[in-house]
N, C-alpha and C. Protein backbone atom coordinates (compact mmCIF):
# COMPACT_ATOMS: atom_id res chain seq x y z
N UNK A 1 -3.84 7.03 25.10
CA UNK A 1 -4.48 6.55 23.88
C UNK A 1 -5.19 5.23 24.17
N UNK A 2 -6.26 5.03 23.47
CA UNK A 2 -7.00 3.78 23.64
C UNK A 2 -6.31 2.65 22.89
N UNK A 3 -6.65 1.43 23.26
CA UNK A 3 -6.05 0.26 22.62
C UNK A 3 -6.40 0.19 21.14
N UNK A 4 -7.62 0.61 20.80
CA UNK A 4 -8.02 0.55 19.39
C UNK A 4 -7.20 1.53 18.54
N UNK A 5 -6.87 2.68 19.10
CA UNK A 5 -6.05 3.65 18.36
C UNK A 5 -4.63 3.14 18.20
N UNK A 6 -4.09 2.52 19.25
CA UNK A 6 -2.74 1.96 19.15
C UNK A 6 -2.71 0.82 18.14
N UNK A 7 -3.73 -0.03 18.15
CA UNK A 7 -3.80 -1.12 17.18
C UNK A 7 -3.94 -0.57 15.76
N UNK A 8 -4.72 0.49 15.60
CA UNK A 8 -4.86 1.11 14.28
C UNK A 8 -3.55 1.72 13.82
N UNK A 9 -2.78 2.33 14.72
CA UNK A 9 -1.48 2.88 14.36
C UNK A 9 -0.50 1.78 13.94
N UNK A 10 -0.52 0.68 14.66
CA UNK A 10 0.36 -0.45 14.30
C UNK A 10 -0.04 -1.00 12.94
N UNK A 11 -1.34 -1.17 12.72
CA UNK A 11 -1.81 -1.67 11.42
C UNK A 11 -1.44 -0.71 10.30
N UNK A 12 -1.60 0.58 10.56
CA UNK A 12 -1.30 1.59 9.55
C UNK A 12 0.20 1.59 9.22
N UNK A 13 1.04 1.46 10.23
CA UNK A 13 2.48 1.38 9.99
C UNK A 13 2.84 0.12 9.20
N UNK A 14 2.21 -0.99 9.53
CA UNK A 14 2.44 -2.23 8.79
C UNK A 14 2.01 -2.10 7.34
N UNK A 15 0.87 -1.46 7.10
CA UNK A 15 0.42 -1.24 5.73
C UNK A 15 1.37 -0.31 4.98
N UNK A 16 1.95 0.65 5.68
CA UNK A 16 2.94 1.52 5.07
C UNK A 16 4.18 0.74 4.65
N UNK A 17 4.57 -0.24 5.45
CA UNK A 17 5.72 -1.07 5.12
C UNK A 17 5.44 -1.98 3.93
N UNK A 18 4.23 -2.48 3.83
CA UNK A 18 3.88 -3.45 2.79
C UNK A 18 3.45 -2.78 1.48
N UNK A 19 3.00 -1.55 1.55
CA UNK A 19 2.41 -0.87 0.40
C UNK A 19 3.28 -0.79 -0.85
N UNK A 20 4.56 -0.46 -0.76
CA UNK A 20 5.33 -0.38 -2.01
C UNK A 20 5.36 -1.69 -2.79
N UNK A 21 5.51 -2.79 -2.09
CA UNK A 21 5.54 -4.09 -2.76
C UNK A 21 4.16 -4.47 -3.27
N UNK A 22 3.15 -4.26 -2.44
CA UNK A 22 1.79 -4.60 -2.81
C UNK A 22 1.33 -3.78 -4.01
N UNK A 23 1.61 -2.49 -4.00
CA UNK A 23 1.20 -1.63 -5.13
C UNK A 23 1.95 -1.99 -6.40
N UNK A 24 3.19 -2.43 -6.27
CA UNK A 24 3.93 -2.88 -7.45
C UNK A 24 3.28 -4.11 -8.06
N UNK A 25 2.91 -5.06 -7.22
CA UNK A 25 2.23 -6.25 -7.73
C UNK A 25 0.89 -5.89 -8.36
N UNK A 26 0.15 -4.99 -7.73
CA UNK A 26 -1.13 -4.56 -8.30
C UNK A 26 -0.91 -3.94 -9.67
N UNK A 27 0.11 -3.10 -9.79
CA UNK A 27 0.41 -2.47 -11.08
C UNK A 27 0.71 -3.52 -12.15
N UNK A 28 1.57 -4.47 -11.83
CA UNK A 28 1.91 -5.50 -12.81
C UNK A 28 0.70 -6.34 -13.19
N UNK A 29 -0.13 -6.67 -12.23
CA UNK A 29 -1.29 -7.49 -12.53
C UNK A 29 -2.31 -6.74 -13.35
N UNK A 30 -2.58 -5.48 -13.00
CA UNK A 30 -3.59 -4.71 -13.73
C UNK A 30 -3.15 -4.44 -15.16
N UNK A 31 -1.85 -4.26 -15.37
CA UNK A 31 -1.37 -4.02 -16.73
C UNK A 31 -1.25 -5.31 -17.53
N UNK A 32 -1.54 -6.44 -16.92
CA UNK A 32 -1.51 -7.71 -17.63
C UNK A 32 -0.14 -8.33 -17.71
N UNK A 33 0.76 -7.90 -16.85
CA UNK A 33 2.13 -8.43 -16.85
C UNK A 33 2.42 -9.11 -15.52
N UNK A 34 1.56 -10.01 -15.11
CA UNK A 34 1.68 -10.65 -13.81
C UNK A 34 2.94 -11.44 -13.60
N UNK A 35 3.55 -11.95 -14.66
CA UNK A 35 4.81 -12.69 -14.55
C UNK A 35 6.00 -11.82 -14.93
N UNK A 36 5.76 -10.59 -15.28
CA UNK A 36 6.83 -9.70 -15.71
C UNK A 36 6.61 -9.29 -17.15
N UNK A 37 7.44 -8.39 -17.62
CA UNK A 37 7.25 -7.85 -18.96
C UNK A 37 7.74 -8.79 -20.06
N UNK A 38 8.56 -9.80 -19.73
CA UNK A 38 9.14 -10.65 -20.76
C UNK A 38 8.29 -11.83 -21.18
N UNK A 39 7.14 -12.03 -20.57
CA UNK A 39 6.33 -13.21 -20.86
C UNK A 39 5.15 -12.85 -21.75
N UNK A 40 4.76 -13.80 -22.60
CA UNK A 40 3.56 -13.65 -23.42
C UNK A 40 2.46 -14.47 -22.76
N UNK A 41 1.54 -13.83 -22.09
CA UNK A 41 0.54 -14.54 -21.29
C UNK A 41 -0.67 -14.99 -22.09
N UNK A 42 -0.95 -14.36 -23.20
CA UNK A 42 -2.09 -14.66 -24.07
C UNK A 42 -3.38 -14.81 -23.29
N UNK A 43 -3.86 -16.01 -23.10
CA UNK A 43 -5.16 -16.23 -22.46
C UNK A 43 -5.17 -15.93 -20.97
N UNK A 44 -4.00 -15.97 -20.34
CA UNK A 44 -3.93 -15.71 -18.90
C UNK A 44 -4.02 -14.23 -18.57
N UNK A 45 -3.87 -13.38 -19.54
CA UNK A 45 -3.83 -11.94 -19.29
C UNK A 45 -5.11 -11.46 -18.62
N UNK A 46 -6.26 -11.96 -19.05
CA UNK A 46 -7.53 -11.55 -18.45
C UNK A 46 -7.58 -11.92 -16.97
N UNK A 47 -7.08 -13.10 -16.64
CA UNK A 47 -7.08 -13.53 -15.25
C UNK A 47 -6.20 -12.64 -14.39
N UNK A 48 -5.07 -12.24 -14.92
CA UNK A 48 -4.18 -11.35 -14.18
C UNK A 48 -4.82 -9.98 -13.97
N UNK A 49 -5.51 -9.48 -14.97
CA UNK A 49 -6.16 -8.17 -14.84
C UNK A 49 -7.27 -8.22 -13.80
N UNK A 50 -8.08 -9.27 -13.82
CA UNK A 50 -9.15 -9.42 -12.83
C UNK A 50 -8.55 -9.59 -11.43
N UNK A 51 -7.51 -10.39 -11.34
CA UNK A 51 -6.84 -10.58 -10.05
C UNK A 51 -6.25 -9.27 -9.54
N UNK A 52 -5.68 -8.45 -10.43
CA UNK A 52 -5.15 -7.15 -10.03
C UNK A 52 -6.24 -6.22 -9.53
N UNK A 53 -7.41 -6.25 -10.18
CA UNK A 53 -8.53 -5.42 -9.74
C UNK A 53 -9.01 -5.87 -8.35
N UNK A 54 -9.05 -7.17 -8.12
CA UNK A 54 -9.45 -7.69 -6.81
C UNK A 54 -8.42 -7.30 -5.76
N UNK A 55 -7.14 -7.38 -6.10
CA UNK A 55 -6.09 -6.98 -5.17
C UNK A 55 -6.20 -5.50 -4.82
N UNK A 56 -6.52 -4.67 -5.81
CA UNK A 56 -6.67 -3.23 -5.57
C UNK A 56 -7.83 -2.96 -4.62
N UNK A 57 -8.93 -3.66 -4.81
CA UNK A 57 -10.09 -3.49 -3.94
C UNK A 57 -9.75 -3.91 -2.51
N UNK A 58 -9.07 -5.05 -2.37
CA UNK A 58 -8.66 -5.51 -1.04
C UNK A 58 -7.71 -4.52 -0.39
N UNK A 59 -6.75 -4.02 -1.16
CA UNK A 59 -5.80 -3.05 -0.63
C UNK A 59 -6.52 -1.79 -0.12
N UNK A 60 -7.45 -1.29 -0.91
CA UNK A 60 -8.19 -0.10 -0.49
C UNK A 60 -9.05 -0.38 0.74
N UNK A 61 -9.61 -1.59 0.83
CA UNK A 61 -10.45 -1.93 1.98
C UNK A 61 -9.65 -2.07 3.27
N UNK A 62 -8.40 -2.47 3.18
CA UNK A 62 -7.61 -2.63 4.41
C UNK A 62 -6.82 -1.37 4.75
N UNK A 63 -6.70 -0.44 3.83
CA UNK A 63 -5.90 0.75 4.09
C UNK A 63 -6.74 1.99 4.37
N UNK A 64 -7.70 2.27 3.54
CA UNK A 64 -8.43 3.54 3.62
C UNK A 64 -9.25 3.69 4.91
N UNK A 65 -10.02 2.68 5.37
CA UNK A 65 -10.81 2.90 6.60
C UNK A 65 -9.95 3.22 7.82
N UNK A 66 -8.83 2.53 7.96
CA UNK A 66 -7.95 2.79 9.10
C UNK A 66 -7.34 4.18 8.98
N UNK A 67 -6.98 4.56 7.77
CA UNK A 67 -6.41 5.88 7.53
C UNK A 67 -7.41 6.98 7.90
N UNK A 68 -8.65 6.82 7.47
CA UNK A 68 -9.69 7.81 7.78
C UNK A 68 -9.95 7.86 9.28
N UNK A 69 -9.99 6.70 9.93
CA UNK A 69 -10.19 6.64 11.38
C UNK A 69 -9.09 7.40 12.11
N UNK A 70 -7.84 7.16 11.71
CA UNK A 70 -6.72 7.83 12.38
C UNK A 70 -6.72 9.33 12.13
N UNK A 71 -7.08 9.74 10.93
CA UNK A 71 -7.17 11.17 10.63
C UNK A 71 -8.21 11.82 11.54
N UNK A 72 -9.35 11.18 11.71
CA UNK A 72 -10.40 11.73 12.57
C UNK A 72 -9.96 11.82 14.02
N UNK A 73 -9.29 10.78 14.51
CA UNK A 73 -8.83 10.76 15.90
C UNK A 73 -7.81 11.87 16.14
N UNK A 74 -6.84 11.99 15.23
CA UNK A 74 -5.78 12.97 15.43
C UNK A 74 -6.26 14.40 15.14
N UNK A 75 -7.26 14.56 14.31
CA UNK A 75 -7.78 15.91 14.03
C UNK A 75 -8.46 16.49 15.28
N UNK A 76 -9.04 15.62 16.10
CA UNK A 76 -9.66 16.09 17.34
C UNK A 76 -8.63 16.68 18.30
N UNK A 77 -7.40 16.18 18.23
CA UNK A 77 -6.33 16.66 19.11
C UNK A 77 -5.67 17.93 18.60
N UNK A 78 -5.84 18.20 17.33
CA UNK A 78 -5.24 19.39 16.74
C UNK A 78 -5.18 19.22 15.23
N UNK A 79 -5.36 20.32 14.54
CA UNK A 79 -5.42 20.24 13.08
C UNK A 79 -4.09 19.76 12.49
N UNK A 80 -2.98 20.21 13.02
CA UNK A 80 -1.68 19.82 12.49
C UNK A 80 -1.36 18.37 12.81
N UNK A 81 -1.99 17.82 13.85
CA UNK A 81 -1.72 16.42 14.23
C UNK A 81 -2.33 15.43 13.26
N UNK A 82 -3.22 15.89 12.38
CA UNK A 82 -3.79 14.97 11.39
C UNK A 82 -2.74 14.57 10.35
N UNK A 83 -1.59 15.21 10.37
CA UNK A 83 -0.49 14.81 9.48
C UNK A 83 0.27 13.59 9.99
N UNK A 84 0.10 13.24 11.25
CA UNK A 84 0.84 12.13 11.83
C UNK A 84 0.57 10.81 11.10
N UNK A 85 -0.69 10.43 10.82
CA UNK A 85 -0.90 9.18 10.07
C UNK A 85 -0.27 9.21 8.68
N UNK A 86 -0.29 10.36 8.03
CA UNK A 86 0.33 10.47 6.71
C UNK A 86 1.83 10.25 6.82
N UNK A 87 2.46 10.88 7.82
CA UNK A 87 3.90 10.74 8.00
C UNK A 87 4.30 9.31 8.37
N UNK A 88 3.47 8.65 9.17
CA UNK A 88 3.75 7.25 9.53
C UNK A 88 3.70 6.37 8.28
N UNK A 89 2.70 6.58 7.45
CA UNK A 89 2.56 5.78 6.24
C UNK A 89 3.72 6.03 5.28
N UNK A 90 4.06 7.29 5.08
CA UNK A 90 5.16 7.64 4.18
C UNK A 90 6.49 7.10 4.72
N UNK A 91 6.69 7.18 6.03
CA UNK A 91 7.92 6.66 6.63
C UNK A 91 8.03 5.15 6.41
N UNK A 92 6.92 4.43 6.55
CA UNK A 92 6.93 3.00 6.29
C UNK A 92 7.27 2.69 4.84
N UNK A 93 6.69 3.45 3.92
CA UNK A 93 6.99 3.26 2.49
C UNK A 93 8.46 3.53 2.20
N UNK A 94 8.99 4.61 2.77
CA UNK A 94 10.39 4.97 2.53
C UNK A 94 11.31 3.91 3.11
N UNK A 95 10.98 3.36 4.27
CA UNK A 95 11.80 2.29 4.87
C UNK A 95 11.83 1.06 3.98
N UNK A 96 10.69 0.67 3.44
CA UNK A 96 10.64 -0.50 2.57
C UNK A 96 11.40 -0.27 1.28
N UNK A 97 11.20 0.89 0.67
CA UNK A 97 11.91 1.18 -0.57
C UNK A 97 13.40 1.27 -0.33
N UNK A 98 13.81 1.81 0.83
CA UNK A 98 15.24 1.86 1.15
C UNK A 98 15.82 0.46 1.35
N UNK A 99 15.04 -0.42 1.95
CA UNK A 99 15.50 -1.80 2.16
C UNK A 99 15.64 -2.53 0.82
N UNK A 100 14.71 -2.30 -0.09
CA UNK A 100 14.77 -2.92 -1.41
C UNK A 100 15.88 -2.30 -2.22
N UNK A 101 16.03 -1.02 -2.09
CA UNK A 101 16.99 -0.26 -2.88
C UNK A 101 16.23 0.63 -3.84
N UNK A 102 16.56 1.91 -3.84
CA UNK A 102 15.83 2.87 -4.66
C UNK A 102 15.92 2.53 -6.14
N UNK A 103 17.11 2.20 -6.59
CA UNK A 103 17.29 1.89 -8.01
C UNK A 103 16.56 0.60 -8.40
N UNK A 104 16.62 -0.40 -7.53
CA UNK A 104 15.94 -1.67 -7.82
C UNK A 104 14.43 -1.51 -7.79
N UNK A 105 13.94 -0.63 -6.93
CA UNK A 105 12.51 -0.46 -6.82
C UNK A 105 11.92 0.25 -8.04
N UNK A 106 12.64 1.21 -8.59
CA UNK A 106 12.10 2.00 -9.67
C UNK A 106 12.45 1.49 -11.06
N UNK A 107 13.04 0.29 -11.17
CA UNK A 107 13.30 -0.30 -12.48
C UNK A 107 12.39 -1.50 -12.65
N UNK A 108 11.90 -1.76 -13.87
CA UNK A 108 11.01 -2.91 -14.08
C UNK A 108 11.76 -4.22 -13.91
N UNK A 109 11.01 -5.29 -13.74
CA UNK A 109 11.59 -6.62 -13.54
C UNK A 109 12.47 -6.97 -14.67
């Protein structure tokens, strides 16, 4: 494998590890609950929503191009091998959620 592919795999695995937490923050910010559900943000709500939209754009920019690149590289080696980047990403997400705790991850703040 080339160095760029190995670096892309490492980046993709790292994004898989960070994604559950990052997506949770994006969700809270986009819904206007940047400090949690118990706070009344009033005028700050707009800032949180804009910040959440910017975070979503950044997340997509750092995740999707590498994912597409890896799918293309592995598809050349075999059609079934294009599942490897998906499995790496899902494994990273599962590891992070397991470290946080399944019950803690799926309950609101």
